[in-house]
Amino acid sequence: QWLLEHWFTRFPFSVWLLAALLLYFIYKVHFDAIITFKFSGYPYFMVLGLGLLGVLAVLGVAFKNDVMAIVGGVGLALIAIALVFVGGFTVAKLQQEMVFFVFGIYFAARGRA
């Protein structure tokens, strides 16, 4: 209980909301691809990396670790850009993946908040 109180009093509510929204969007958009466990090609590994780096960015914010947040954010942004072009470019994919790009840039620039 002390740990939760300590975390929630150190960070503004907006940072926790962004971290929760990042995990929710990863779940909503890419959970079906991650849970299939089909190691058939690089798109699966890119989506898996997107999920893991998103969790790394959130943990970097939670544990006040700049390196974890920045590495997670930069990786999130780079994978989001790459996923736009995997399987052909469409405007819908661009809109979908740019959400993750913006989250990645935010966590990379802000660090541990």
Protein backbone atom coordinates (compact mmCIF):
# COMPACT_ATOMS: atom_id res chain seq x y z
CA GLN A 1 0.00 0.00 0.00
CA TRP A 2 2.84 2.40 0.77
CA LEU A 3 4.32 1.79 -2.66
CA LEU A 4 1.09 2.69 -4.46
CA GLU A 5 0.63 5.81 -2.35
CA HIS A 6 4.25 6.77 -3.01
CA TRP A 7 3.88 6.37 -6.79
CA PHE A 8 0.58 8.17 -7.07
CA THR A 9 1.70 11.14 -5.00
CA ARG A 10 4.97 11.65 -6.90
CA PHE A 11 3.50 11.99 -10.37
CA PRO A 12 0.77 14.20 -11.75
CA PHE A 13 -2.45 12.54 -12.72
CA SER A 14 -1.86 13.43 -16.38
CA VAL A 15 1.29 11.28 -16.55
CA TRP A 16 -0.56 8.30 -15.10
CA LEU A 17 -3.42 8.87 -17.53
CA LEU A 18 -1.02 8.91 -20.49
CA ALA A 19 0.70 5.75 -19.30
CA ALA A 20 -2.64 3.98 -18.84
CA LEU A 21 -3.86 5.15 -22.25
CA LEU A 22 -0.68 3.88 -23.91
CA LEU A 23 -1.16 0.41 -22.46
CA TYR A 24 -4.87 0.49 -23.35
CA PHE A 25 -4.18 1.47 -26.97
CA ILE A 26 -1.55 -1.25 -27.32
CA TYR A 27 -4.06 -3.74 -25.94
CA LYS A 28 -6.91 -2.50 -28.14
CA VAL A 29 -4.99 -2.27 -31.41
CA HIS A 30 -2.38 -5.04 -31.28
CA PHE A 31 -3.45 -7.55 -28.63
CA ASP A 32 -4.88 -10.02 -31.17
CA ALA A 33 -1.59 -10.07 -33.06
CA ILE A 34 0.50 -10.44 -29.91
CA ILE A 35 -1.55 -13.26 -28.38
CA THR A 36 -1.48 -15.50 -31.50
CA PHE A 37 2.18 -16.50 -30.93
CA LYS A 38 2.74 -16.98 -34.66
CA PHE A 39 6.43 -16.42 -35.16
CA SER A 40 5.94 -16.35 -38.92
CA GLY A 41 7.59 -13.09 -39.83
CA TYR A 42 8.97 -9.77 -38.80
CA PRO A 43 5.59 -7.97 -38.46
CA TYR A 44 4.78 -10.17 -35.46
CA PHE A 45 8.11 -9.36 -33.84
CA MET A 46 7.61 -5.65 -34.52
CA VAL A 47 4.20 -5.68 -32.84
CA LEU A 48 5.61 -7.69 -29.95
CA GLY A 49 8.44 -5.18 -29.65
CA LEU A 50 5.92 -2.34 -29.69
CA GLY A 51 4.09 -3.91 -26.78
CA LEU A 52 7.25 -4.60 -24.77
CA LEU A 53 8.71 -1.15 -25.38
CA GLY A 54 5.40 0.43 -24.39
CA VAL A 55 5.50 -1.46 -21.12
CA LEU A 56 9.17 -0.45 -20.71
CA ALA A 57 8.27 3.23 -21.16
CA VAL A 58 5.49 2.97 -18.57
CA LEU A 59 7.78 1.19 -16.12
CA GLY A 60 10.41 3.85 -16.69
CA VAL A 61 7.91 6.48 -15.63
CA ALA A 62 6.69 4.41 -12.69
CA PHE A 63 10.17 3.71 -11.32
CA LYS A 64 11.56 7.18 -12.13
CA ASN A 65 14.17 5.68 -14.45
CA ASP A 66 15.13 8.02 -17.30
CA VAL A 67 16.92 5.39 -19.36
CA MET A 68 13.98 2.97 -19.37
CA ALA A 69 11.51 5.70 -20.33
CA ILE A 70 13.71 7.16 -23.07
CA VAL A 71 14.67 3.80 -24.60
CA GLY A 72 11.05 2.68 -24.48
CA GLY A 73 9.86 5.93 -26.03
CA VAL A 74 12.42 6.02 -28.84
CA GLY A 75 11.82 2.34 -29.64
CA LEU A 76 8.07 2.88 -29.59
CA ALA A 77 8.36 5.79 -32.03
CA LEU A 78 10.69 3.92 -34.42
CA ILE A 79 8.60 0.76 -34.50
CA ALA A 80 5.42 2.80 -35.00
CA ILE A 81 6.96 4.47 -38.07
CA ALA A 82 8.10 1.12 -39.44
CA LEU A 83 4.70 -0.50 -38.90
CA VAL A 84 3.08 2.12 -41.12
CA PHE A 85 4.95 0.73 -44.12
CA VAL A 86 4.71 -3.00 -43.34
CA GLY A 87 2.28 -4.64 -45.75
CA GLY A 88 1.65 -1.50 -47.76
CA PHE A 89 0.94 2.08 -46.86
CA THR A 90 -2.62 3.17 -46.06
CA VAL A 91 -3.93 6.28 -44.41
CA ALA A 92 -5.77 4.18 -41.81
CA LYS A 93 -2.52 2.49 -40.76
CA LEU A 94 -0.82 5.87 -40.62
CA GLN A 95 -3.49 7.24 -38.31
CA GLN A 96 -3.42 4.12 -36.14
CA GLU A 97 0.34 3.96 -35.70
CA MET A 98 0.89 7.69 -35.29
CA VAL A 99 -0.86 7.44 -31.93
CA PHE A 100 1.99 5.20 -30.78
CA PHE A 101 4.53 7.49 -32.43
CA VAL A 102 3.24 10.46 -30.43
CA PHE A 103 3.30 8.46 -27.19
CA GLY A 104 6.86 7.38 -27.97
CA ILE A 105 8.05 10.91 -28.66
CA TYR A 106 6.39 12.13 -25.46
CA PHE A 107 8.02 9.49 -23.27
CA ALA A 108 11.38 9.94 -25.02
CA ALA A 109 11.36 13.70 -24.61
CA ARG A 110 9.90 13.80 -21.13
CA GLY A 111 11.89 10.93 -19.68
CA ARG A 112 10.68 10.03 -16.24
CA ALA A 113 8.20 12.91 -16.07
